[in-house]
């Protein structure tokens, strides 16, 4: 199996430049441990900064070296969750969707690396000033929550130039080795992958959700706030979620004010639907979902991605002088 060494692998002490996105619905301790054991760095999702989720999923990871991710606006409401996480001595703490400054000092004092995920160039500069060790440039191509302004292809090199020499990780629409090769060519030191790992054997998703991802394509996805509104999840409006379009989103997307006004009523109907009723229920997925073709282990995913990336980089493109 090829080895691709970058500033990210050296900084984090990992073999392959691949991070697991800390998705609250999928990235539990078992998946995070599997990614780490395969040579990447597994990141556990903390839900909405839930101390219960932090303890449970870090416990599921056992003695495996993993990191943990936090949604900053949720962590501001429950800062004790960070203390619980730091007590477990994670390899890294990832902070997303807000101002990381109030928390970076505590994380550094605990001896953990700080990974900040950003969606704009201005946020990248703020993360660098706050002391980030790694910056993830997340495009709106990503599954789940992201910004609306920038796509991955344009955002990544701009962030690389703005925050050098801090290692930059690309996120959004990356689901195979071609995506890793492209990210490296843009100057990134690695990738963060979510959608591809939702359909791994170790993912917390049930078989029905994994099957829905396999059957979907990137054209089927949409950034929308309706699934957050109906569930009463207080996401800031600047961070919609990319999910598979369905009958529920078709009914309410563009009518967010009406849905907000009827939230309690509609939520009852939404929660009364079967968990596998994906005409109603949300399935988070990024634009790279076209490339998710099977359900396999995290180790197999990493091996495929690294092998394909190495082959792509070796082949390159022929340069013909005129």
C-alpha atoms as a PDB file:
ATOM      1  CA  UNK A   1       0.000   0.000   0.000  1.00  0.00           C
ATOM      2  CA  UNK A   2       1.458   3.404  -0.948  1.00  0.00           C
ATOM      3  CA  UNK A   3       2.317   5.974   1.687  1.00  0.00           C
ATOM      4  CA  UNK A   4       1.590   9.660   1.063  1.00  0.00           C
ATOM      5  CA  UNK A   5       3.492  11.763   3.576  1.00  0.00           C
ATOM      6  CA  UNK A   6       2.418  15.370   4.099  1.00  0.00           C
ATOM      7  CA  UNK A   7       2.643  18.099   6.706  1.00  0.00           C
ATOM      8  CA  UNK A   8      -0.623  16.732   8.135  1.00  0.00           C
ATOM      9  CA  UNK A   9       0.655  13.187   8.604  1.00  0.00           C
ATOM     10  CA  UNK A  10       3.826  14.474  10.253  1.00  0.00           C
ATOM     11  CA  UNK A  11       1.971  16.853  12.560  1.00  0.00           C
ATOM     12  CA  UNK A  12      -0.654  14.343  13.706  1.00  0.00           C
ATOM     13  CA  UNK A  13       1.577  11.264  13.636  1.00  0.00           C
ATOM     14  CA  UNK A  14      -0.647   9.371  11.200  1.00  0.00           C
ATOM     15  CA  UNK A  15       0.190   7.235   8.183  1.00  0.00           C
ATOM     16  CA  UNK A  16      -2.349   8.539   5.664  1.00  0.00           C
ATOM     17  CA  UNK A  17      -3.594  12.136   5.174  1.00  0.00           C
ATOM     18  CA  UNK A  18      -7.241  11.266   5.805  1.00  0.00           C
ATOM     19  CA  UNK A  19      -9.466  12.548   8.611  1.00  0.00           C
ATOM     20  CA  UNK A  20     -12.894  11.215   9.475  1.00  0.00           C
ATOM     21  CA  UNK A  21     -15.409  14.060   9.611  1.00  0.00           C
ATOM     22  CA  UNK A  22     -16.945  14.037  13.130  1.00  0.00           C
ATOM     23  CA  UNK A  23     -20.534  13.546  11.991  1.00  0.00           C
ATOM     24  CA  UNK A  24     -22.861  13.348  14.970  1.00  0.00           C
ATOM     25  CA  UNK A  25     -25.164  10.826  13.305  1.00  0.00           C
ATOM     26  CA  UNK A  26     -22.484   8.479  11.943  1.00  0.00           C
ATOM     27  CA  UNK A  27     -19.036   9.005  13.450  1.00  0.00           C
ATOM     28  CA  UNK A  28     -19.172   7.031  16.668  1.00  0.00           C
ATOM     29  CA  UNK A  29     -16.262   5.568  18.576  1.00  0.00           C
ATOM     30  CA  UNK A  30     -16.140   2.337  16.574  1.00  0.00           C
ATOM     31  CA  UNK A  31     -15.864   4.135  13.239  1.00  0.00           C
ATOM     32  CA  UNK A  32     -13.323   6.616  14.598  1.00  0.00           C
ATOM     33  CA  UNK A  33     -11.196   3.782  15.970  1.00  0.00           C
ATOM     34  CA  UNK A  34     -11.415   1.914  12.659  1.00  0.00           C
ATOM     35  CA  UNK A  35     -10.199   4.964  10.725  1.00  0.00           C
ATOM     36  CA  UNK A  36      -7.300   5.470  13.115  1.00  0.00           C
ATOM     37  CA  UNK A  37      -6.363   1.791  13.035  1.00  0.00           C
ATOM     38  CA  UNK A  38      -6.301   2.007   9.233  1.00  0.00           C
ATOM     39  CA  UNK A  39      -3.764   4.839   9.339  1.00  0.00           C
ATOM     40  CA  UNK A  40      -5.933   7.968   9.262  1.00  0.00           C
ATOM     41  CA  UNK A  41      -7.264   9.937  12.209  1.00  0.00           C
ATOM     42  CA  UNK A  42     -10.740   9.078  13.402  1.00  0.00           C
ATOM     43  CA  UNK A  43     -12.798  11.941  14.800  1.00  0.00           C
ATOM     44  CA  UNK A  44     -15.761  11.260  17.086  1.00  0.00           C
ATOM     45  CA  UNK A  45     -18.859  13.410  16.773  1.00  0.00           C
ATOM     46  CA  UNK A  46     -20.049  14.997  20.015  1.00  0.00           C
ATOM     47  CA  UNK A  47     -23.594  15.674  18.887  1.00  0.00           C
ATOM     48  CA  UNK A  48     -24.667  19.051  20.181  1.00  0.00           C
ATOM     49  CA  UNK A  49     -21.815  19.128  22.730  1.00  0.00           C
ATOM     50  CA  UNK A  50     -23.471  16.330  24.684  1.00  0.00           C
ATOM     51  CA  UNK A  51     -21.428  15.140  27.664  1.00  0.00           C
ATOM     52  CA  UNK A  52     -23.243  11.819  27.437  1.00  0.00           C
ATOM     53  CA  UNK A  53     -22.307  11.382  23.777  1.00  0.00           C
ATOM     54  CA  UNK A  54     -18.699  12.395  24.457  1.00  0.00           C
ATOM     55  CA  UNK A  55     -18.295   9.803  27.223  1.00  0.00           C
ATOM     56  CA  UNK A  56     -20.103   7.080  25.311  1.00  0.00           C
ATOM     57  CA  UNK A  57     -18.331   7.419  21.978  1.00  0.00           C
ATOM     58  CA  UNK A  58     -14.856   8.005  23.392  1.00  0.00           C
ATOM     59  CA  UNK A  59     -15.489   4.924  25.487  1.00  0.00           C
ATOM     60  CA  UNK A  60     -16.464   2.991  22.356  1.00  0.00           C
ATOM     61  CA  UNK A  61     -13.127   3.977  20.809  1.00  0.00           C
ATOM     62  CA  UNK A  62     -11.356   2.256  23.697  1.00  0.00           C
ATOM     63  CA  UNK A  63      -7.634   2.896  23.872  1.00  0.00           C
ATOM     64  CA  UNK A  64      -7.407   3.876  20.209  1.00  0.00           C
ATOM     65  CA  UNK A  65      -6.005   7.337  19.555  1.00  0.00           C
ATOM     66  CA  UNK A  66      -8.866   9.441  18.186  1.00  0.00           C
ATOM     67  CA  UNK A  67      -9.982  13.054  18.098  1.00  0.00           C
ATOM     68  CA  UNK A  68     -13.329  14.686  18.781  1.00  0.00           C
ATOM     69  CA  UNK A  69     -15.309  17.384  17.042  1.00  0.00           C
ATOM     70  CA  UNK A  70     -17.482  20.144  18.508  1.00  0.00           C
ATOM     71  CA  UNK A  71     -20.077  22.495  17.045  1.00  0.00           C
ATOM     72  CA  UNK A  72     -19.002  25.792  18.566  1.00  0.00           C
ATOM     73  CA  UNK A  73     -22.409  27.389  19.055  1.00  0.00           C
ATOM     74  CA  UNK A  74     -23.497  24.237  20.912  1.00  0.00           C
ATOM     75  CA  UNK A  75     -20.284  24.104  22.951  1.00  0.00           C
ATOM     76  CA  UNK A  76     -20.922  27.674  24.086  1.00  0.00           C
ATOM     77  CA  UNK A  77     -24.145  26.390  25.666  1.00  0.00           C
ATOM     78  CA  UNK A  78     -22.457  23.426  27.353  1.00  0.00           C
ATOM     79  CA  UNK A  79     -18.731  24.162  27.831  1.00  0.00           C
ATOM     80  CA  UNK A  80     -18.476  21.291  30.339  1.00  0.00           C
ATOM     81  CA  UNK A  81     -18.498  18.890  27.374  1.00  0.00           C
ATOM     82  CA  UNK A  82     -15.032  20.115  26.432  1.00  0.00           C
ATOM     83  CA  UNK A  83     -13.723  19.302  29.913  1.00  0.00           C
ATOM     84  CA  UNK A  84     -15.066  15.759  29.603  1.00  0.00           C
ATOM     85  CA  UNK A  85     -13.376  15.379  26.236  1.00  0.00           C
ATOM     86  CA  UNK A  86     -10.036  16.788  27.396  1.00  0.00           C
ATOM     87  CA  UNK A  87     -10.008  14.430  30.360  1.00  0.00           C
ATOM     88  CA  UNK A  88      -9.804  11.592  27.811  1.00  0.00           C
ATOM     89  CA  UNK A  89      -6.686  13.140  26.218  1.00  0.00           C
ATOM     90  CA  UNK A  90      -7.870  13.068  22.579  1.00  0.00           C
ATOM     91  CA  UNK A  91      -5.329  13.384  19.790  1.00  0.00           C
ATOM     92  CA  UNK A  92      -7.058  16.514  18.512  1.00  0.00           C
ATOM     93  CA  UNK A  93     -10.118  18.667  19.083  1.00  0.00           C
ATOM     94  CA  UNK A  94     -11.970  19.985  16.054  1.00  0.00           C
ATOM     95  CA  UNK A  95     -13.984  23.198  16.326  1.00  0.00           C
ATOM     96  CA  UNK A  96     -16.543  24.234  13.699  1.00  0.00           C
ATOM     97  CA  UNK A  97     -19.304  26.783  13.076  1.00  0.00           C
ATOM     98  CA  UNK A  98     -18.378  29.683  15.325  1.00  0.00           C
ATOM     99  CA  UNK A  99     -15.555  31.568  17.017  1.00  0.00           C
ATOM    100  CA  UNK A 100     -12.922  29.147  18.355  1.00  0.00           C
ATOM    101  CA  UNK A 101     -11.033  31.764  20.380  1.00  0.00           C
ATOM    102  CA  UNK A 102     -12.712  31.179  23.780  1.00  0.00           C
ATOM    103  CA  UNK A 103     -11.684  27.510  23.745  1.00  0.00           C
ATOM    104  CA  UNK A 104      -8.269  27.309  22.107  1.00  0.00           C
ATOM    105  CA  UNK A 105      -6.304  28.160  25.252  1.00  0.00           C
ATOM    106  CA  UNK A 106      -7.828  25.287  27.241  1.00  0.00           C
ATOM    107  CA  UNK A 107      -7.221  22.850  24.415  1.00  0.00           C
ATOM    108  CA  UNK A 108      -3.579  23.849  24.006  1.00  0.00           C
ATOM    109  CA  UNK A 109      -3.016  23.698  27.769  1.00  0.00           C
ATOM    110  CA  UNK A 110      -4.290  20.099  27.654  1.00  0.00           C
ATOM    111  CA  UNK A 111      -1.671  19.237  25.033  1.00  0.00           C
ATOM    112  CA  UNK A 112      -4.157  18.576  22.221  1.00  0.00           C
ATOM    113  CA  UNK A 113      -3.905  19.697  18.627  1.00  0.00           C
ATOM    114  CA  UNK A 114      -6.530  22.183  17.491  1.00  0.00           C
ATOM    115  CA  UNK A 115      -8.300  21.630  14.170  1.00  0.00           C
ATOM    116  CA  UNK A 116     -10.571  24.458  13.036  1.00  0.00           C
ATOM    117  CA  UNK A 117     -13.055  23.978  10.207  1.00  0.00           C
ATOM    118  CA  UNK A 118     -13.914  27.088   8.206  1.00  0.00           C
ATOM    119  CA  UNK A 119     -16.148  27.970   5.281  1.00  0.00           C
ATOM    120  CA  UNK A 120     -14.736  31.362   4.211  1.00  0.00           C
ATOM    121  CA  UNK A 121     -11.351  32.981   3.796  1.00  0.00           C
ATOM    122  CA  UNK A 122     -12.074  35.438   6.606  1.00  0.00           C
ATOM    123  CA  UNK A 123     -12.857  32.554   8.982  1.00  0.00           C
ATOM    124  CA  UNK A 124      -9.598  30.852   7.979  1.00  0.00           C
ATOM    125  CA  UNK A 125      -7.585  33.928   8.935  1.00  0.00           C
ATOM    126  CA  UNK A 126      -9.453  34.144  12.243  1.00  0.00           C
ATOM    127  CA  UNK A 127      -8.733  30.471  12.962  1.00  0.00           C
ATOM    128  CA  UNK A 128      -5.044  30.982  12.243  1.00  0.00           C
ATOM    129  CA  UNK A 129      -4.945  33.943  14.604  1.00  0.00           C
ATOM    130  CA  UNK A 130      -6.742  31.871  17.265  1.00  0.00           C
ATOM    131  CA  UNK A 131      -3.957  29.285  17.245  1.00  0.00           C
ATOM    132  CA  UNK A 132      -5.252  26.503  14.997  1.00  0.00           C
ATOM    133  CA  UNK A 133      -2.730  23.755  14.286  1.00  0.00           C
ATOM    134  CA  UNK A 134      -4.734  22.527  11.275  1.00  0.00           C
ATOM    135  CA  UNK A 135      -7.396  24.324   9.249  1.00  0.00           C
ATOM    136  CA  UNK A 136     -10.092  22.461   7.323  1.00  0.00           C
ATOM    137  CA  UNK A 137     -11.399  24.398   4.318  1.00  0.00           C
ATOM    138  CA  UNK A 138     -14.949  23.096   3.885  1.00  0.00           C
ATOM    139  CA  UNK A 139     -16.812  23.829   0.675  1.00  0.00           C
ATOM    140  CA  UNK A 140     -20.558  23.952   0.279  1.00  0.00           C
ATOM    141  CA  UNK A 141     -20.255  20.623  -1.583  1.00  0.00           C
ATOM    142  CA  UNK A 142     -20.084  18.894   1.813  1.00  0.00           C
ATOM    143  CA  UNK A 143     -22.808  16.734   3.261  1.00  0.00           C
ATOM    144  CA  UNK A 144     -24.471  17.950   6.422  1.00  0.00           C
ATOM    145  CA  UNK A 145     -23.885  21.500   7.572  1.00  0.00           C
ATOM    146  CA  UNK A 146     -21.585  23.927   5.797  1.00  0.00           C
ATOM    147  CA  UNK A 147     -21.477  27.461   4.492  1.00  0.00           C
ATOM    148  CA  UNK A 148     -23.175  28.674   1.337  1.00  0.00           C
ATOM    149  CA  UNK A 149     -20.511  30.949  -0.141  1.00  0.00           C
ATOM    150  CA  UNK A 150     -17.598  28.860  -1.410  1.00  0.00           C
ATOM    151  CA  UNK A 151     -17.086  25.591  -3.244  1.00  0.00           C
ATOM    152  CA  UNK A 152     -14.222  23.308  -2.271  1.00  0.00           C
ATOM    153  CA  UNK A 153     -12.172  23.771  -5.457  1.00  0.00           C
ATOM    154  CA  UNK A 154     -11.864  27.537  -5.096  1.00  0.00           C
ATOM    155  CA  UNK A 155     -11.760  27.760  -1.318  1.00  0.00           C
ATOM    156  CA  UNK A 156      -8.923  25.318  -0.629  1.00  0.00           C
ATOM    157  CA  UNK A 157      -6.056  27.027  -2.516  1.00  0.00           C
ATOM    158  CA  UNK A 158      -7.155  30.427  -1.270  1.00  0.00           C
ATOM    159  CA  UNK A 159      -6.980  29.217   2.330  1.00  0.00           C
ATOM    160  CA  UNK A 160      -3.637  27.487   1.683  1.00  0.00           C
ATOM    161  CA  UNK A 161      -2.164  30.784   0.510  1.00  0.00           C
ATOM    162  CA  UNK A 162      -3.712  32.779   3.364  1.00  0.00           C
ATOM    163  CA  UNK A 163      -2.653  30.667   6.347  1.00  0.00           C
ATOM    164  CA  UNK A 164       0.683  29.116   5.313  1.00  0.00           C
ATOM    165  CA  UNK A 165       2.534  27.338   6.872  1.00  0.00           C
ATOM    166  CA  UNK A 166      -0.455  25.923   8.791  1.00  0.00           C
ATOM    167  CA  UNK A 167      -1.521  22.628   7.129  1.00  0.00           C
ATOM    168  CA  UNK A 168      -4.845  22.882   5.316  1.00  0.00           C
ATOM    169  CA  UNK A 169      -7.253  19.980   4.888  1.00  0.00           C
ATOM    170  CA  UNK A 170      -9.844  19.927   2.094  1.00  0.00           C
ATOM    171  CA  UNK A 171     -13.453  18.952   2.821  1.00  0.00           C
ATOM    172  CA  UNK A 172     -16.566  18.817   0.693  1.00  0.00           C
ATOM    173  CA  UNK A 173     -17.371  16.446  -2.155  1.00  0.00           C
ATOM    174  CA  UNK A 174     -14.311  14.237  -1.612  1.00  0.00           C
ATOM    175  CA  UNK A 175     -15.124  10.527  -1.632  1.00  0.00           C
ATOM    176  CA  UNK A 176     -12.345   8.741  -3.495  1.00  0.00           C
ATOM    177  CA  UNK A 177      -8.647   8.831  -4.345  1.00  0.00           C
ATOM    178  CA  UNK A 178      -9.120  11.288  -7.182  1.00  0.00           C
ATOM    179  CA  UNK A 179     -10.464  13.750  -4.631  1.00  0.00           C
ATOM    180  CA  UNK A 180      -7.427  13.255  -2.396  1.00  0.00           C
ATOM    181  CA  UNK A 181      -5.084  13.713  -5.369  1.00  0.00           C
ATOM    182  CA  UNK A 182      -6.934  16.878  -6.384  1.00  0.00           C
ATOM    183  CA  UNK A 183      -6.752  18.269  -2.843  1.00  0.00           C
ATOM    184  CA  UNK A 184      -3.008  17.643  -2.680  1.00  0.00           C
ATOM    185  CA  UNK A 185      -2.592  19.331  -6.059  1.00  0.00           C
ATOM    186  CA  UNK A 186      -4.427  22.378  -4.695  1.00  0.00           C
ATOM    187  CA  UNK A 187      -1.881  22.612  -1.881  1.00  0.00           C
ATOM    188  CA  UNK A 188      -3.860  20.853   0.836  1.00  0.00           C
ATOM    189  CA  UNK A 189      -2.057  18.459   3.161  1.00  0.00           C
ATOM    190  CA  UNK A 190      -4.953  16.003   3.369  1.00  0.00           C
ATOM    191  CA  UNK A 191      -8.694  15.530   3.264  1.00  0.00           C
ATOM    192  CA  UNK A 192     -11.620  15.212   5.654  1.00  0.00           C
ATOM    193  CA  UNK A 193     -14.248  12.735   4.458  1.00  0.00           C
ATOM    194  CA  UNK A 194     -17.778  12.274   5.723  1.00  0.00           C
ATOM    195  CA  UNK A 195     -20.271  10.962   3.184  1.00  0.00           C
ATOM    196  CA  UNK A 196     -18.038   8.088   2.055  1.00  0.00           C
ATOM    197  CA  UNK A 197     -17.656   6.879   5.656  1.00  0.00           C
ATOM    198  CA  UNK A 198     -21.391   7.057   6.423  1.00  0.00           C
ATOM    199  CA  UNK A 199     -21.710   3.942   4.269  1.00  0.00           C
ATOM    200  CA  UNK A 200     -18.964   2.040   6.053  1.00  0.00           C
ATOM    201  CA  UNK A 201     -19.676  -1.045   8.115  1.00  0.00           C
ATOM    202  CA  UNK A 202     -18.626   0.719  11.317  1.00  0.00           C
ATOM    203  CA  UNK A 203     -20.856   3.765  10.778  1.00  0.00           C
ATOM    204  CA  UNK A 204     -23.653   4.443  13.257  1.00  0.00           C
ATOM    205  CA  UNK A 205     -26.103   4.681  10.366  1.00  0.00           C
ATOM    206  CA  UNK A 206     -28.509   1.792  10.066  1.00  0.00           C
ATOM    207  CA  UNK A 207     -28.685  -0.364   6.936  1.00  0.00           C
ATOM    208  CA  UNK A 208     -31.644   1.539   5.495  1.00  0.00           C
ATOM    209  CA  UNK A 209     -29.835   4.876   5.616  1.00  0.00           C
ATOM    210  CA  UNK A 210     -26.709   3.353   4.091  1.00  0.00           C
ATOM    211  CA  UNK A 211     -28.804   1.894   1.290  1.00  0.00           C
ATOM    212  CA  UNK A 212     -30.354   5.311   0.668  1.00  0.00           C
ATOM    213  CA  UNK A 213     -26.879   6.804   0.256  1.00  0.00           C
ATOM    214  CA  UNK A 214     -25.868   4.080  -2.184  1.00  0.00           C
ATOM    215  CA  UNK A 215     -28.966   4.727  -4.294  1.00  0.00           C
ATOM    216  CA  UNK A 216     -28.450   8.505  -4.427  1.00  0.00           C
ATOM    217  CA  UNK A 217     -26.489  10.851  -6.663  1.00  0.00           C
ATOM    218  CA  UNK A 218     -25.039  14.298  -6.131  1.00  0.00           C
ATOM    219  CA  UNK A 219     -27.809  15.842  -8.224  1.00  0.00           C
ATOM    220  CA  UNK A 220     -30.237  14.564  -5.601  1.00  0.00           C
ATOM    221  CA  UNK A 221     -28.712  16.720  -2.853  1.00  0.00           C
ATOM    222  CA  UNK A 222     -29.735  20.171  -1.712  1.00  0.00           C
ATOM    223  CA  UNK A 223     -28.705  22.687   0.912  1.00  0.00           C
ATOM    224  CA  UNK A 224     -31.729  23.415   3.067  1.00  0.00           C
ATOM    225  CA  UNK A 225     -32.726  24.475   6.575  1.00  0.00           C
ATOM    226  CA  UNK A 226     -36.042  22.650   6.727  1.00  0.00           C
ATOM    227  CA  UNK A 227     -34.745  19.532   8.491  1.00  0.00           C
ATOM    228  CA  UNK A 228     -33.184  21.649  11.228  1.00  0.00           C
ATOM    229  CA  UNK A 229     -36.312  23.753  11.652  1.00  0.00           C
ATOM    230  CA  UNK A 230     -38.686  20.807  11.948  1.00  0.00           C
ATOM    231  CA  UNK A 231     -36.456  19.096  14.532  1.00  0.00           C
ATOM    232  CA  UNK A 232     -36.030  22.307  16.533  1.00  0.00           C
ATOM    233  CA  UNK A 233     -32.257  22.241  15.993  1.00  0.00           C
ATOM    234  CA  UNK A 234     -31.077  25.845  16.468  1.00  0.00           C
ATOM    235  CA  UNK A 235     -28.553  25.988  13.642  1.00  0.00           C
ATOM    236  CA  UNK A 236     -27.668  29.530  12.517  1.00  0.00           C
ATOM    237  CA  UNK A 237     -29.214  30.217   9.117  1.00  0.00           C
ATOM    238  CA  UNK A 238     -25.778  30.749   7.550  1.00  0.00           C
ATOM    239  CA  UNK A 239     -25.091  27.005   7.971  1.00  0.00           C
ATOM    240  CA  UNK A 240     -27.758  25.035   6.084  1.00  0.00           C
ATOM    241  CA  UNK A 241     -27.451  21.267   5.750  1.00  0.00           C
ATOM    242  CA  UNK A 242     -26.886  19.377   2.501  1.00  0.00           C
ATOM    243  CA  UNK A 243     -29.206  16.383   2.361  1.00  0.00           C
ATOM    244  CA  UNK A 244     -31.055  14.229  -0.132  1.00  0.00           C
ATOM    245  CA  UNK A 245     -34.098  15.936  -1.587  1.00  0.00           C
ATOM    246  CA  UNK A 246     -37.371  14.288  -0.636  1.00  0.00           C
ATOM    247  CA  UNK A 247     -41.081  15.001  -0.404  1.00  0.00           C
ATOM    248  CA  UNK A 248     -40.665  16.839   2.900  1.00  0.00           C
ATOM    249  CA  UNK A 249     -38.013  19.219   1.580  1.00  0.00           C
ATOM    250  CA  UNK A 250     -40.028  19.757  -1.619  1.00  0.00           C
ATOM    251  CA  UNK A 251     -43.018  20.825   0.502  1.00  0.00           C
ATOM    252  CA  UNK A 252     -41.193  23.177   2.854  1.00  0.00           C
ATOM    253  CA  UNK A 253     -37.993  24.438   1.210  1.00  0.00           C
ATOM    254  CA  UNK A 254     -38.623  28.112   0.431  1.00  0.00           C
ATOM    255  CA  UNK A 255     -41.360  28.223   3.068  1.00  0.00           C
ATOM    256  CA  UNK A 256     -39.088  28.305   6.101  1.00  0.00           C
ATOM    257  CA  UNK A 257     -41.105  31.039   7.839  1.00  0.00           C
ATOM    258  CA  UNK A 258     -44.292  28.978   7.538  1.00  0.00           C
ATOM    259  CA  UNK A 259     -42.506  25.900   8.855  1.00  0.00           C
ATOM    260  CA  UNK A 260     -41.093  27.856  11.795  1.00  0.00           C
ATOM    261  CA  UNK A 261     -44.564  29.110  12.686  1.00  0.00           C
ATOM    262  CA  UNK A 262     -45.941  25.539  12.629  1.00  0.00           C
ATOM    263  CA  UNK A 263     -42.844  23.808  13.969  1.00  0.00           C
ATOM    264  CA  UNK A 264     -44.409  22.072  16.981  1.00  0.00           C
ATOM    265  CA  UNK A 265     -47.301  20.730  14.895  1.00  0.00           C
ATOM    266  CA  UNK A 266     -45.177  19.562  11.950  1.00  0.00           C
ATOM    267  CA  UNK A 267     -42.521  18.058  14.209  1.00  0.00           C
ATOM    268  CA  UNK A 268     -45.084  15.651  15.683  1.00  0.00           C
ATOM    269  CA  UNK A 269     -45.944  14.391  12.210  1.00  0.00           C
ATOM    270  CA  UNK A 270     -42.291  14.229  11.227  1.00  0.00           C
ATOM    271  CA  UNK A 271     -41.312  12.179  14.294  1.00  0.00           C
ATOM    272  CA  UNK A 272     -44.335   9.916  13.872  1.00  0.00           C
ATOM    273  CA  UNK A 273     -43.056   8.797  10.461  1.00  0.00           C
ATOM    274  CA  UNK A 274     -41.067   5.526  10.368  1.00  0.00           C
ATOM    275  CA  UNK A 275     -37.286   6.020  10.708  1.00  0.00           C
ATOM    276  CA  UNK A 276     -36.795   4.529   7.232  1.00  0.00           C
ATOM    277  CA  UNK A 277     -39.418   6.761   5.591  1.00  0.00           C
ATOM    278  CA  UNK A 278     -36.900   8.761   3.580  1.00  0.00           C
ATOM    279  CA  UNK A 279     -39.635  10.616   1.752  1.00  0.00           C
ATOM    280  CA  UNK A 280     -39.902  12.434   5.087  1.00  0.00           C
ATOM    281  CA  UNK A 281     -36.776  11.777   7.155  1.00  0.00           C
ATOM    282  CA  UNK A 282     -33.438  13.428   6.491  1.00  0.00           C
ATOM    283  CA  UNK A 283     -30.434  11.667   4.954  1.00  0.00           C
ATOM    284  CA  UNK A 284     -27.393  13.937   5.063  1.00  0.00           C
ATOM    285  CA  UNK A 285     -25.207  13.536   1.971  1.00  0.00           C
ATOM    286  CA  UNK A 286     -22.609  15.545   0.090  1.00  0.00           C
ATOM    287  CA  UNK A 287     -22.161  16.009  -3.640  1.00  0.00           C
ATOM    288  CA  UNK A 288     -19.643  13.153  -3.649  1.00  0.00           C
ATOM    289  CA  UNK A 289     -22.396  10.642  -2.874  1.00  0.00           C
ATOM    290  CA  UNK A 290     -22.284   9.497  -6.532  1.00  0.00           C
ATOM    291  CA  UNK A 291     -18.974   7.825  -5.675  1.00  0.00           C
ATOM    292  CA  UNK A 292     -20.380   5.781  -2.787  1.00  0.00           C
ATOM    293  CA  UNK A 293     -20.970   2.413  -4.434  1.00  0.00           C
ATOM    294  CA  UNK A 294     -20.759  -0.146  -1.629  1.00  0.00           C
ATOM    295  CA  UNK A 295     -20.781  -0.726   2.104  1.00  0.00           C
ATOM    296  CA  UNK A 296     -17.358  -1.827   3.230  1.00  0.00           C
ATOM    297  CA  UNK A 297     -14.958  -1.353   6.115  1.00  0.00           C
ATOM    298  CA  UNK A 298     -13.221   1.902   6.958  1.00  0.00           C
ATOM    299  CA  UNK A 299      -9.905   0.151   6.368  1.00  0.00           C
ATOM    300  CA  UNK A 300     -10.934  -0.842   2.843  1.00  0.00           C
ATOM    301  CA  UNK A 301     -12.096   2.699   2.106  1.00  0.00           C
ATOM    302  CA  UNK A 302      -8.764   4.160   3.189  1.00  0.00           C
ATOM    303  CA  UNK A 303      -6.770   1.603   1.235  1.00  0.00           C
ATOM    304  CA  UNK A 304      -8.760   2.328  -1.916  1.00  0.00           C
ATOM    305  CA  UNK A 305      -8.482   6.098  -1.517  1.00  0.00           C
ATOM    306  CA  UNK A 306      -4.744   6.111  -0.886  1.00  0.00           C
ATOM    307  CA  UNK A 307      -3.976   3.619  -3.664  1.00  0.00           C
ATOM    308  CA  UNK A 308      -6.092   5.499  -6.192  1.00  0.00           C
ATOM    309  CA  UNK A 309      -4.636   8.863  -5.156  1.00  0.00           C
ATOM    310  CA  UNK A 310      -1.072   7.578  -5.528  1.00  0.00           C
ATOM    311  CA  UNK A 311      -1.859   6.166  -8.958  1.00  0.00           C
ATOM    312  CA  UNK A 312      -3.509   9.405 -10.057  1.00  0.00           C
ATOM    313  CA  UNK A 313      -0.548  11.484  -8.894  1.00  0.00           C
ATOM    314  CA  UNK A 314       1.943   9.160 -10.606  1.00  0.00           C
ATOM    315  CA  UNK A 315       0.130   9.270 -13.931  1.00  0.00           C
ATOM    316  CA  UNK A 316      -0.396  13.005 -13.845  1.00  0.00           C
ATOM    317  CA  UNK A 317      -0.879  14.791 -17.141  1.00  0.00           C
ATOM    318  CA  UNK A 318       1.560  14.955 -20.009  1.00  0.00           C
ATOM    319  CA  UNK A 319       3.159  18.379 -20.426  1.00  0.00           C
ATOM    320  CA  UNK A 320       3.636  19.195 -24.104  1.00  0.00           C
ATOM    321  CA  UNK A 321       5.698  22.242 -24.985  1.00  0.00           C
ATOM    322  CA  UNK A 322       4.569  24.158 -28.032  1.00  0.00           C
END
